[in-house]
Every structure is written in structure tokens, then in C-alpha cells.
Amino acid sequence: MGLQTRPGREIGRMWGGSVNDVWPVVHAERQALIDFLGALDDRQWEEPSLCEGWTVHDVVAHLIATAKTTRVGFVAGLVRARFDFDRDNARGVARERGATPHETLDRFRAVGSRTSTPPAPLATRLVEVIVHGEDIRRPLGATHAYPAEAVERALRLQGRTSVSFGGGRERVAGLTLAPDDAAYTIGEGPSVTGPALSLLLAVSGRTVALSDLDGPGAPEFGQRYGDLA
């Protein structure tokens, strides 16, 4: 399709150079995704996303569920799901997915400015909007430019978070993540190079991004996907 979306200049201004100003970026990225989704037809909503077993429609429903999640609600939901994260997520999708894409999109609009969060580092909200944004856009052939500082903060967090909690700490242990479009590195050891966004997706378990990566540490990084399955 060759679709492309770009954040407005106001997103960069809202970041203001501070890595601590998370919510304005999250809200802006939610709105950018809402605008993108509004241009899709019903068939595109049913395309498989990068999340295994989930369509684009399912991922949007998940984003609604997580936007509404509070610290207390997160714990209560896990208890009801018998501490099974996948079951809890599936219940959230079923609860928030509307009968039509239009209904689901209206629900997403309604939660776009919320600041609810589960009991986790606030930077997980950046991971949420960026990674799931790509889960939706990439299968549809769309690209989007995210604030570089937001991608960096999300990548650093995912590198510290275990695979069992949706991160990639075990995948990157003993390796250096070296974005070729940014002036920072993360970790120590043989380097894995590529665009920062692709590194974030790969660390977060999206194998589609592995083909974007290179460097002496890339083979080991790719091998760990099989080892950690």
C-alpha cells in the first residue's frame, strides 16, 4: 500500500527534550493511530497483526483495554484470570472489541486522553503505543515516525524487562544494541545494529524486524528466538 503517516511538529514540542514527559507523547501517538485507523476499510481491520493470533481489530481492542487499566484493576483482572497474562489479555480484547470497526474506533477515541496505568514503569506506556502501533501498521504496509527519545526510552526498558513480561532481557544479555540512526548504545558485547525502531520491535519479540538487523551479534540474537520459544 505504501502508506505513510508522520507525527506533527507539536509532538516534538510536547516532548520538550525531557525523557520524563511520557503522557503527552502517548496521547499524541494514540491520536495519530486513531487518525490512521479511521482511513482503513473493514477488510484491513481484519488483517493479521504482528501479534500472533490477533487481527488489527484485536490489537485496537487490546489498546482500549490497557488504556482503561488501573493499578487496582490490573491486579483484580490477574486474579480473575488465575495469574495467566494471556488469558487476562484475551478477556480484555473480548470485552473491548466492538461489533464493528467503527464502534471499536469510537471506544478508542473515548480513552485516547486517559492516564490510567497498570503497576509498571511509566515508560511501558511508550512501549505500548509504539510496539502495538507497529503491530498494526507494518502488516498494512504503513510507516510512521515516532519521537526518537520515546523509542530510546522504550528500547532501554525492554532491554531490562524479562521475556516473560513482554520484554527481551534474555535476548540481549551479553550483546550491544547499536542503533544506526541514533547516537547511543545499550549493553556490552558483540553489537547488533539497525534502526532503533527495528531493534525495539525485535527485542519485543517481533521476528519481522530481524531482517533489518546486522552486526557481529545479530546471528546470536536471532538464535535466541528459538532458544527462548
Protein backbone atom coordinates (compact mmCIF):
# COMPACT_ATOMS: atom_id res chain seq x y z
CA MET A 1 0.00 0.00 0.00
CA GLY A 2 2.92 2.36 0.63
CA LEU A 3 1.01 4.31 3.28
CA GLN A 4 2.96 6.72 5.42
CA THR A 5 1.97 8.74 8.45
CA ARG A 6 4.05 11.34 10.21
CA PRO A 7 3.68 12.93 13.63
CA GLY A 8 3.06 16.65 13.66
CA ARG A 9 5.68 19.08 14.87
CA GLU A 10 3.66 19.52 18.05
CA ILE A 11 4.67 16.01 19.16
CA GLY A 12 8.31 17.02 19.23
CA ARG A 13 7.42 20.19 21.12
CA MET A 14 5.38 18.24 23.65
CA TRP A 15 8.35 16.01 24.37
CA GLY A 16 10.24 19.19 25.16
CA GLY A 17 13.58 17.37 25.35
CA SER A 18 12.55 15.69 28.62
CA VAL A 19 12.54 11.89 28.80
CA ASN A 20 10.16 12.15 31.77
CA ASP A 21 7.25 13.70 29.87
CA VAL A 22 5.53 10.48 28.82
CA TRP A 23 1.81 11.17 28.70
CA PRO A 24 1.79 13.94 26.05
CA VAL A 25 3.68 11.62 23.71
CA VAL A 26 1.38 8.68 24.49
CA HIS A 27 -1.70 10.82 23.84
CA ALA A 28 -0.27 12.18 20.60
CA GLU A 29 0.63 8.70 19.38
CA ARG A 30 -2.80 7.38 20.26
CA GLN A 31 -4.34 10.20 18.24
CA ALA A 32 -2.03 9.52 15.30
CA LEU A 33 -3.10 5.87 15.37
CA ILE A 34 -6.77 6.83 15.64
CA ASP A 35 -6.38 9.02 12.55
CA PHE A 36 -4.70 6.17 10.70
CA LEU A 37 -7.34 3.65 11.68
CA GLY A 38 -10.08 6.00 10.56
CA ALA A 39 -8.86 5.69 6.98
CA LEU A 40 -8.95 1.86 6.90
CA ASP A 41 -11.71 -0.25 5.41
CA ASP A 42 -13.31 -3.19 7.23
CA ARG A 43 -11.13 -5.72 5.40
CA GLN A 44 -7.94 -4.05 6.64
CA TRP A 45 -9.21 -4.20 10.23
CA GLU A 46 -9.34 -7.99 9.91
CA GLU A 47 -5.75 -8.33 8.60
CA PRO A 48 -3.43 -10.38 10.85
CA SER A 49 -1.29 -8.13 13.04
CA LEU A 50 2.26 -8.80 14.21
CA CYS A 51 0.73 -10.19 17.43
CA GLU A 52 0.30 -13.89 16.79
CA GLY A 53 -3.37 -14.84 16.64
CA TRP A 54 -4.61 -11.25 16.76
CA THR A 55 -6.05 -9.17 13.94
CA VAL A 56 -5.64 -5.41 13.64
CA HIS A 57 -9.09 -5.16 15.22
CA ASP A 58 -7.96 -7.28 18.18
CA VAL A 59 -4.89 -5.12 18.81
CA VAL A 60 -7.02 -1.97 18.87
CA ALA A 61 -9.34 -3.62 21.39
CA HIS A 62 -6.28 -4.52 23.49
CA LEU A 63 -5.11 -0.90 23.38
CA ILE A 64 -8.51 0.21 24.66
CA ALA A 65 -8.38 -2.34 27.48
CA THR A 66 -4.89 -1.29 28.57
CA ALA A 67 -5.76 2.42 28.35
CA LYS A 68 -8.56 1.76 30.85
CA THR A 69 -6.46 -0.39 33.17
CA THR A 70 -5.74 0.95 36.65
CA ARG A 71 -3.30 -0.44 39.18
CA VAL A 72 -6.08 -1.99 41.24
CA GLY A 73 -7.93 -3.20 38.16
CA PHE A 74 -4.79 -4.86 36.81
CA VAL A 75 -4.35 -6.94 39.96
CA ALA A 76 -8.04 -7.81 40.11
CA GLY A 77 -8.00 -8.89 36.46
CA LEU A 78 -4.99 -11.11 37.00
CA VAL A 79 -6.65 -12.77 39.97
CA ARG A 80 -9.75 -13.48 37.89
CA ALA A 81 -7.51 -14.89 35.15
CA ARG A 82 -5.68 -17.09 37.69
CA PHE A 83 -2.50 -15.07 37.07
CA ASP A 84 -2.44 -16.02 33.39
CA PHE A 85 -1.40 -12.88 31.45
CA ASP A 86 -2.52 -14.29 28.12
CA ARG A 87 -5.95 -15.15 29.49
CA ASP A 88 -6.28 -11.70 31.03
CA ASN A 89 -5.33 -10.04 27.74
CA ALA A 90 -7.78 -12.22 25.80
CA ARG A 91 -10.57 -11.22 28.14
CA GLY A 92 -9.71 -7.56 27.65
CA VAL A 93 -9.87 -7.93 23.87
CA ALA A 94 -13.22 -9.71 24.03
CA ARG A 95 -14.60 -7.06 26.36
CA GLU A 96 -13.49 -4.01 24.35
CA ARG A 97 -13.85 -5.23 20.77
CA GLY A 98 -16.97 -3.69 19.27
CA ALA A 99 -19.37 -5.34 16.86
CA THR A 100 -17.87 -3.23 14.06
CA PRO A 101 -14.57 -1.42 13.48
CA HIS A 102 -16.47 1.87 13.71
CA GLU A 103 -17.71 1.01 17.20
CA THR A 104 -14.26 -0.08 18.34
CA LEU A 105 -12.68 3.09 16.94
CA ASP A 106 -15.21 5.20 18.84
CA ARG A 107 -14.22 3.36 22.01
CA PHE A 108 -10.55 4.05 21.29
CA ARG A 109 -11.26 7.75 20.77
CA ALA A 110 -13.03 7.84 24.13
CA VAL A 111 -9.94 6.62 26.01
CA GLY A 112 -7.28 8.46 23.99
CA SER A 113 -6.52 11.03 26.68
CA ARG A 114 -6.64 8.74 29.69
CA THR A 115 -3.66 8.47 32.05
CA SER A 116 -4.55 5.16 33.70
CA THR A 117 -1.71 2.70 34.03
CA PRO A 118 -1.05 -0.75 35.49
CA PRO A 119 1.56 -1.11 38.27
CA ALA A 120 4.57 -0.86 35.97
CA PRO A 121 7.17 1.73 34.96
CA LEU A 122 5.52 4.63 33.15
CA ALA A 123 7.73 4.00 30.12
CA THR A 124 5.68 0.86 29.48
CA ARG A 125 3.05 3.22 28.06
CA LEU A 126 5.58 4.24 25.40
CA VAL A 127 6.28 0.58 24.63
CA GLU A 128 2.53 0.03 24.35
CA VAL A 129 1.80 2.75 21.81
CA ILE A 130 4.95 2.25 19.74
CA VAL A 131 5.14 -1.55 19.53
CA HIS A 132 1.40 -2.08 19.14
CA GLY A 133 1.29 0.81 16.71
CA GLU A 134 3.76 -1.11 14.56
CA ASP A 135 1.83 -4.35 15.14
CA ILE A 136 -0.98 -2.62 13.29
CA ARG A 137 0.84 -0.51 10.71
CA ARG A 138 3.51 -2.86 9.38
CA PRO A 139 1.18 -5.62 8.13
CA LEU A 140 -0.73 -2.92 6.27
CA GLY A 141 2.40 -1.57 4.58
CA ALA A 142 2.35 1.69 6.53
CA THR A 143 5.27 3.52 8.12
CA HIS A 144 5.25 6.07 10.92
CA ALA A 145 7.93 8.25 12.53
CA TYR A 146 7.94 8.17 16.33
CA PRO A 147 9.80 10.64 18.57
CA ALA A 148 13.38 9.37 18.80
CA GLU A 149 13.52 9.94 22.57
CA ALA A 150 10.41 7.83 23.06
CA VAL A 151 11.84 4.96 21.03
CA GLU A 152 15.09 5.11 23.01
CA ARG A 153 13.33 5.05 26.36
CA ALA A 154 11.12 2.17 25.25
CA LEU A 155 14.13 0.23 23.96
CA ARG A 156 16.07 0.70 27.20
CA LEU A 157 13.10 -0.51 29.22
CA GLN A 158 12.51 -3.56 27.03
CA GLY A 159 16.17 -4.49 27.35
CA ARG A 160 15.73 -4.60 31.15
CA THR A 161 12.40 -6.43 31.13
CA SER A 162 12.25 -10.22 31.04
CA VAL A 163 10.74 -12.10 28.12
CA SER A 164 8.04 -13.48 30.43
CA PHE A 165 6.82 -9.91 30.97
CA GLY A 166 6.92 -8.97 27.29
CA GLY A 167 10.46 -7.62 27.17
CA GLY A 168 13.68 -9.04 25.83
CA ARG A 169 16.30 -9.04 28.60
CA GLU A 170 17.32 -12.64 27.95
CA ARG A 171 17.56 -12.00 24.20
CA VAL A 172 20.02 -9.11 24.59
CA ALA A 173 22.16 -10.35 27.50
CA GLY A 174 25.83 -10.02 26.58
CA LEU A 175 25.07 -8.04 23.42
CA THR A 176 25.25 -4.37 22.49
CA LEU A 177 22.26 -2.75 20.82
CA ALA A 178 23.65 -0.11 18.50
CA PRO A 179 21.04 1.88 16.56
CA ASP A 180 22.46 3.11 13.28
CA ASP A 181 20.16 6.12 13.31
CA ALA A 182 20.91 7.34 16.84
CA ALA A 183 23.96 8.28 18.94
CA TYR A 184 23.67 5.79 21.81
CA THR A 185 24.32 2.14 22.55
CA ILE A 186 22.79 -0.20 25.11
CA GLY A 187 24.61 -3.12 26.74
CA GLU A 188 28.03 -4.69 26.28
CA GLY A 189 29.25 -7.36 23.91
CA PRO A 190 29.03 -8.06 20.16
CA SER A 191 26.94 -5.37 18.51
CA VAL A 192 23.52 -5.73 16.92
CA THR A 193 22.91 -2.82 14.57
CA GLY A 194 19.88 -1.50 12.75
CA PRO A 195 17.22 1.21 13.04
CA ALA A 196 16.24 1.93 16.63
CA LEU A 197 12.60 1.12 15.89
CA SER A 198 13.54 -2.26 14.41
CA LEU A 199 15.72 -3.02 17.43
CA LEU A 200 12.78 -2.19 19.71
CA LEU A 201 10.46 -4.48 17.78
CA ALA A 202 12.99 -7.31 17.68
CA VAL A 203 13.76 -7.04 21.39
CA SER A 204 9.98 -7.10 21.97
CA GLY A 205 9.64 -10.42 20.14
CA ARG A 206 8.62 -9.31 16.63
CA THR A 207 10.62 -11.55 14.33
CA VAL A 208 9.65 -9.49 11.29
CA ALA A 209 12.24 -6.92 12.39
CA LEU A 210 15.16 -9.39 12.49
CA SER A 211 15.80 -8.91 8.77
CA ASP A 212 16.54 -5.22 9.46
CA LEU A 213 19.41 -6.08 11.82
CA ASP A 214 23.10 -6.68 11.21
CA GLY A 215 26.39 -6.74 13.07
CA PRO A 216 28.50 -9.44 14.72
CA GLY A 217 25.89 -10.05 17.43
CA ALA A 218 22.93 -10.41 15.06
CA PRO A 219 23.26 -14.21 14.50
CA GLU A 220 23.32 -14.89 18.25
CA PHE A 221 20.41 -12.52 18.77
CA GLY A 222 18.36 -14.33 16.15
CA GLN A 223 19.28 -17.75 17.54
CA ARG A 224 17.89 -16.82 20.92
CA TYR A 225 14.39 -16.54 19.48
CA GLY A 226 14.34 -20.30 19.04
CA ASP A 227 16.04 -20.94 22.36
CA LEU A 228 13.52 -18.81 24.27
CA ALA A 229 10.37 -20.04 22.46
